[in-house]
Amino acid sequence: MAERFPTQIHIGGKVERAIIPALIDAINTEELQSDWGIGLPVLRSDKELLERLEDGHLSFFHEERAWGEFPDLEQFLVENDIPFNRSHSPRYEYDGELAQFRTGMEAPAVAAANDSGVIVIEAPEIQRIRDILKTAQNMEDVRKEMDELNELCFEADIEPLPPFEIKD
């Protein structure tokens, strides 16, 4: 049985006008909400789509999304190289999650996140690297651990979501 999570998605980037009807179809298919618990009316035009802008991004929600994902919409966005952030809150024994996709990536970067959508790195990982760095005997050991630390922080280094705009 699929666990259900409160989930939100924010879409940004410059999108070709020719793709807008397909984007609207992808959004309508997901039965999204315009705010928590408020169903999104069917979008019919780029004008109605742009009315959904919030802080420069298209923002949509769903109170109980299976596994905290919008699989069809996310696939459409990746296939069309449209940047987005999708997050869900922690629930029961499951961590929250932040998925980030930017132009040029092959797939979204996914990381554990807290209830505010901030990436969480577990303390034991950081402690292990700290302990190795404390006892490092040479620069090669330090470099190796810095590479591991960089890999742990990769998702936090992704550029902010650009504003959504339609380009002709």
C-alpha atoms as a PDB file:
ATOM      1  CA  MET A   1       0.000   0.000   0.000  1.00  0.00           C
ATOM      2  CA  ALA A   2       1.319   3.432  -0.929  1.00  0.00           C
ATOM      3  CA  GLU A   3       1.980   5.869   1.888  1.00  0.00           C
ATOM      4  CA  ARG A   4       0.462   9.295   1.313  1.00  0.00           C
ATOM      5  CA  PHE A   5       2.176  12.605   2.033  1.00  0.00           C
ATOM      6  CA  PRO A   6       1.320  16.308   1.861  1.00  0.00           C
ATOM      7  CA  THR A   7       3.274  17.304  -1.257  1.00  0.00           C
ATOM      8  CA  GLN A   8       4.074  20.469  -3.149  1.00  0.00           C
ATOM      9  CA  ILE A   9       5.731  21.239  -6.458  1.00  0.00           C
ATOM     10  CA  HIS A  10       7.157  24.529  -7.715  1.00  0.00           C
ATOM     11  CA  ILE A  11       7.931  24.925 -11.413  1.00  0.00           C
ATOM     12  CA  GLY A  12      10.281  27.526 -12.846  1.00  0.00           C
ATOM     13  CA  GLY A  13      12.430  28.281 -15.860  1.00  0.00           C
ATOM     14  CA  LYS A  14      11.868  29.612 -19.335  1.00  0.00           C
ATOM     15  CA  VAL A  15       9.343  27.462 -21.185  1.00  0.00           C
ATOM     16  CA  GLU A  16       8.699  27.663 -24.913  1.00  0.00           C
ATOM     17  CA  ARG A  17       5.174  28.839 -25.721  1.00  0.00           C
ATOM     18  CA  ALA A  18       4.718  25.790 -27.988  1.00  0.00           C
ATOM     19  CA  ILE A  19       5.049  23.479 -24.925  1.00  0.00           C
ATOM     20  CA  ILE A  20       2.521  25.366 -22.768  1.00  0.00           C
ATOM     21  CA  PRO A  21      -0.599  23.406 -23.922  1.00  0.00           C
ATOM     22  CA  ALA A  22       1.148  20.104 -23.069  1.00  0.00           C
ATOM     23  CA  LEU A  23       2.293  21.524 -19.710  1.00  0.00           C
ATOM     24  CA  ILE A  24      -1.281  22.575 -18.940  1.00  0.00           C
ATOM     25  CA  ASP A  25      -2.487  19.048 -19.833  1.00  0.00           C
ATOM     26  CA  ALA A  26       0.179  17.506 -17.574  1.00  0.00           C
ATOM     27  CA  ILE A  27      -0.875  19.756 -14.687  1.00  0.00           C
ATOM     28  CA  ASN A  28      -4.600  19.103 -15.208  1.00  0.00           C
ATOM     29  CA  THR A  29      -4.015  15.327 -15.300  1.00  0.00           C
ATOM     30  CA  GLU A  30      -2.454  15.330 -11.805  1.00  0.00           C
ATOM     31  CA  GLU A  31      -5.604  16.726 -10.118  1.00  0.00           C
ATOM     32  CA  LEU A  32      -3.509  19.218  -8.165  1.00  0.00           C
ATOM     33  CA  GLN A  33      -4.627  21.719  -5.573  1.00  0.00           C
ATOM     34  CA  SER A  34      -4.180  25.485  -5.736  1.00  0.00           C
ATOM     35  CA  ASP A  35      -3.667  25.504  -1.974  1.00  0.00           C
ATOM     36  CA  TRP A  36      -3.803  22.845   0.716  1.00  0.00           C
ATOM     37  CA  GLY A  37      -7.179  21.128   0.311  1.00  0.00           C
ATOM     38  CA  ILE A  38      -8.480  23.473  -2.387  1.00  0.00           C
ATOM     39  CA  GLY A  39      -8.910  21.764  -5.753  1.00  0.00           C
ATOM     40  CA  LEU A  40      -7.278  23.435  -8.724  1.00  0.00           C
ATOM     41  CA  PRO A  41      -9.787  24.375 -11.413  1.00  0.00           C
ATOM     42  CA  VAL A  42      -9.022  22.939 -14.831  1.00  0.00           C
ATOM     43  CA  LEU A  43      -6.543  25.243 -16.549  1.00  0.00           C
ATOM     44  CA  ARG A  44      -7.403  26.147 -20.133  1.00  0.00           C
ATOM     45  CA  SER A  45      -4.954  28.863 -21.193  1.00  0.00           C
ATOM     46  CA  ASP A  46      -1.535  30.332 -20.623  1.00  0.00           C
ATOM     47  CA  LYS A  47      -3.284  33.290 -18.929  1.00  0.00           C
ATOM     48  CA  GLU A  48      -4.901  30.941 -16.380  1.00  0.00           C
ATOM     49  CA  LEU A  49      -1.561  29.180 -15.943  1.00  0.00           C
ATOM     50  CA  LEU A  50       0.226  32.463 -15.216  1.00  0.00           C
ATOM     51  CA  GLU A  51      -2.423  33.296 -12.597  1.00  0.00           C
ATOM     52  CA  ARG A  52      -0.951  30.377 -10.597  1.00  0.00           C
ATOM     53  CA  LEU A  53       2.396  32.174 -10.205  1.00  0.00           C
ATOM     54  CA  GLU A  54       3.488  32.544  -6.593  1.00  0.00           C
ATOM     55  CA  ASP A  55       6.832  34.203  -5.834  1.00  0.00           C
ATOM     56  CA  GLY A  56       7.745  33.796  -9.504  1.00  0.00           C
ATOM     57  CA  HIS A  57       7.003  30.042  -9.685  1.00  0.00           C
ATOM     58  CA  LEU A  58       4.040  27.895 -10.601  1.00  0.00           C
ATOM     59  CA  SER A  59       3.072  26.391  -7.246  1.00  0.00           C
ATOM     60  CA  PHE A  60       0.775  23.418  -6.733  1.00  0.00           C
ATOM     61  CA  PHE A  61      -0.099  21.182  -3.798  1.00  0.00           C
ATOM     62  CA  HIS A  62      -1.790  17.951  -2.828  1.00  0.00           C
ATOM     63  CA  GLU A  63      -2.726  16.938   0.711  1.00  0.00           C
ATOM     64  CA  GLU A  64      -2.243  13.204   0.258  1.00  0.00           C
ATOM     65  CA  ARG A  65      -0.052  12.204  -2.648  1.00  0.00           C
ATOM     66  CA  ALA A  66       1.128   8.584  -2.999  1.00  0.00           C
ATOM     67  CA  TRP A  67       4.792   8.488  -1.973  1.00  0.00           C
ATOM     68  CA  GLY A  68       4.859  12.293  -2.179  1.00  0.00           C
ATOM     69  CA  GLU A  69       5.365  12.336  -5.945  1.00  0.00           C
ATOM     70  CA  PHE A  70       3.698  13.618  -9.101  1.00  0.00           C
ATOM     71  CA  PRO A  71       5.135  10.941 -11.427  1.00  0.00           C
ATOM     72  CA  ASP A  72       3.533  11.911 -14.743  1.00  0.00           C
ATOM     73  CA  LEU A  73       4.050  15.645 -14.262  1.00  0.00           C
ATOM     74  CA  GLU A  74       7.636  15.162 -13.076  1.00  0.00           C
ATOM     75  CA  GLN A  75       8.402  12.938 -16.067  1.00  0.00           C
ATOM     76  CA  PHE A  76       6.965  15.574 -18.416  1.00  0.00           C
ATOM     77  CA  LEU A  77       9.074  18.286 -16.771  1.00  0.00           C
ATOM     78  CA  VAL A  78      12.281  16.227 -16.998  1.00  0.00           C
ATOM     79  CA  GLU A  79      11.626  15.245 -20.625  1.00  0.00           C
ATOM     80  CA  ASN A  80      11.096  18.915 -21.508  1.00  0.00           C
ATOM     81  CA  ASP A  81      14.014  20.176 -19.391  1.00  0.00           C
ATOM     82  CA  ILE A  82      11.766  22.332 -17.173  1.00  0.00           C
ATOM     83  CA  PRO A  83      13.213  23.065 -13.691  1.00  0.00           C
ATOM     84  CA  PHE A  84      11.217  22.198 -10.572  1.00  0.00           C
ATOM     85  CA  ASN A  85      11.387  21.539  -6.838  1.00  0.00           C
ATOM     86  CA  ARG A  86       9.087  18.936  -5.340  1.00  0.00           C
ATOM     87  CA  SER A  87       8.932  18.243  -1.627  1.00  0.00           C
ATOM     88  CA  HIS A  88       6.895  16.327   0.871  1.00  0.00           C
ATOM     89  CA  SER A  89       6.764  16.447   4.625  1.00  0.00           C
ATOM     90  CA  PRO A  90       7.937  13.651   6.901  1.00  0.00           C
ATOM     91  CA  ARG A  91       5.175  11.334   8.002  1.00  0.00           C
ATOM     92  CA  TYR A  92       5.135   8.360  10.331  1.00  0.00           C
ATOM     93  CA  GLU A  93       8.481   6.565   9.987  1.00  0.00           C
ATOM     94  CA  TYR A  94       9.286   8.165   6.610  1.00  0.00           C
ATOM     95  CA  ASP A  95      11.634  11.099   6.102  1.00  0.00           C
ATOM     96  CA  GLY A  96      10.580  14.155   4.188  1.00  0.00           C
ATOM     97  CA  GLU A  97      12.053  14.551   0.722  1.00  0.00           C
ATOM     98  CA  LEU A  98      13.214  17.306  -1.612  1.00  0.00           C
ATOM     99  CA  ALA A  99      13.592  16.569  -5.329  1.00  0.00           C
ATOM    100  CA  GLN A 100      15.282  19.230  -7.448  1.00  0.00           C
ATOM    101  CA  PHE A 101      15.592  19.244 -11.216  1.00  0.00           C
ATOM    102  CA  ARG A 102      17.446  21.860 -13.227  1.00  0.00           C
ATOM    103  CA  THR A 103      18.030  22.345 -16.929  1.00  0.00           C
ATOM    104  CA  GLY A 104      20.730  19.976 -18.144  1.00  0.00           C
ATOM    105  CA  MET A 105      20.317  17.344 -15.409  1.00  0.00           C
ATOM    106  CA  GLU A 106      19.477  13.779 -16.436  1.00  0.00           C
ATOM    107  CA  ALA A 107      17.216  13.193 -13.433  1.00  0.00           C
ATOM    108  CA  PRO A 108      16.141  15.032 -10.294  1.00  0.00           C
ATOM    109  CA  ALA A 109      18.523  15.115  -7.325  1.00  0.00           C
ATOM    110  CA  VAL A 110      16.645  13.718  -4.334  1.00  0.00           C
ATOM    111  CA  ALA A 111      17.569  14.221  -0.681  1.00  0.00           C
ATOM    112  CA  ALA A 112      16.038  13.742   2.755  1.00  0.00           C
ATOM    113  CA  ALA A 113      14.464  16.968   3.991  1.00  0.00           C
ATOM    114  CA  ASN A 114      12.738  18.343   7.048  1.00  0.00           C
ATOM    115  CA  ASP A 115       9.185  19.676   7.237  1.00  0.00           C
ATOM    116  CA  SER A 116      10.327  23.000   5.743  1.00  0.00           C
ATOM    117  CA  GLY A 117      11.918  21.349   2.709  1.00  0.00           C
ATOM    118  CA  VAL A 118      15.473  21.964   3.970  1.00  0.00           C
ATOM    119  CA  ILE A 119      17.925  19.169   3.155  1.00  0.00           C
ATOM    120  CA  VAL A 120      18.951  17.057   6.143  1.00  0.00           C
ATOM    121  CA  ILE A 121      22.270  15.230   6.390  1.00  0.00           C
ATOM    122  CA  GLU A 122      22.435  12.668   9.169  1.00  0.00           C
ATOM    123  CA  ALA A 123      24.927  13.453  11.928  1.00  0.00           C
ATOM    124  CA  PRO A 124      26.703  10.040  11.834  1.00  0.00           C
ATOM    125  CA  GLU A 125      27.838  10.746   8.246  1.00  0.00           C
ATOM    126  CA  ILE A 126      29.303  14.105   9.232  1.00  0.00           C
ATOM    127  CA  GLN A 127      30.819  12.684  12.442  1.00  0.00           C
ATOM    128  CA  ARG A 128      32.537   9.910  10.495  1.00  0.00           C
ATOM    129  CA  ILE A 129      34.106  12.409   8.097  1.00  0.00           C
ATOM    130  CA  ARG A 130      35.070  14.698  11.006  1.00  0.00           C
ATOM    131  CA  ASP A 131      36.772  11.822  12.835  1.00  0.00           C
ATOM    132  CA  ILE A 132      38.740  10.804   9.741  1.00  0.00           C
ATOM    133  CA  LEU A 133      39.814  14.412   9.145  1.00  0.00           C
ATOM    134  CA  LYS A 134      41.002  14.687  12.776  1.00  0.00           C
ATOM    135  CA  THR A 135      43.359  11.777  12.265  1.00  0.00           C
ATOM    136  CA  ALA A 136      44.338  12.435   8.643  1.00  0.00           C
ATOM    137  CA  GLN A 137      48.058  11.885   8.107  1.00  0.00           C
ATOM    138  CA  ASN A 138      48.404  13.537   4.709  1.00  0.00           C
ATOM    139  CA  MET A 139      46.709  15.804   2.208  1.00  0.00           C
ATOM    140  CA  GLU A 140      45.475  12.835   0.152  1.00  0.00           C
ATOM    141  CA  ASP A 141      43.366  11.651   3.140  1.00  0.00           C
ATOM    142  CA  VAL A 142      42.017  15.166   3.600  1.00  0.00           C
ATOM    143  CA  ARG A 143      41.198  15.473  -0.112  1.00  0.00           C
ATOM    144  CA  LYS A 144      39.386  12.132  -0.103  1.00  0.00           C
ATOM    145  CA  GLU A 145      37.213  13.126   2.860  1.00  0.00           C
ATOM    146  CA  MET A 146      36.524  16.573   1.397  1.00  0.00           C
ATOM    147  CA  ASP A 147      35.285  14.816  -1.759  1.00  0.00           C
ATOM    148  CA  GLU A 148      32.939  12.676   0.375  1.00  0.00           C
ATOM    149  CA  LEU A 149      31.695  15.757   2.203  1.00  0.00           C
ATOM    150  CA  ASN A 150      31.151  17.518  -1.126  1.00  0.00           C
ATOM    151  CA  GLU A 151      29.126  14.523  -2.363  1.00  0.00           C
ATOM    152  CA  LEU A 152      26.959  14.598   0.800  1.00  0.00           C
ATOM    153  CA  CYS A 153      26.227  18.302   0.251  1.00  0.00           C
ATOM    154  CA  PHE A 154      25.635  18.103  -3.517  1.00  0.00           C
ATOM    155  CA  GLU A 155      21.871  18.580  -3.345  1.00  0.00           C
ATOM    156  CA  ALA A 156      22.252  21.634  -1.101  1.00  0.00           C
ATOM    157  CA  ASP A 157      24.499  23.269  -3.734  1.00  0.00           C
ATOM    158  CA  ILE A 158      21.932  23.174  -6.549  1.00  0.00           C
ATOM    159  CA  GLU A 159      21.132  26.666  -7.829  1.00  0.00           C
ATOM    160  CA  PRO A 160      17.843  28.231  -6.709  1.00  0.00           C
ATOM    161  CA  LEU A 161      14.771  27.547  -8.809  1.00  0.00           C
ATOM    162  CA  PRO A 162      14.618  30.207 -11.559  1.00  0.00           C
ATOM    163  CA  PRO A 163      11.394  32.175 -12.059  1.00  0.00           C
ATOM    164  CA  PHE A 164       8.827  30.723 -14.439  1.00  0.00           C
ATOM    165  CA  GLU A 165       8.324  32.534 -17.715  1.00  0.00           C
ATOM    166  CA  ILE A 166       6.925  31.784 -21.135  1.00  0.00           C
ATOM    167  CA  LYS A 167       9.282  32.543 -23.996  1.00  0.00           C
ATOM    168  CA  ASP A 168       8.222  33.050 -27.585  1.00  0.00           C
END
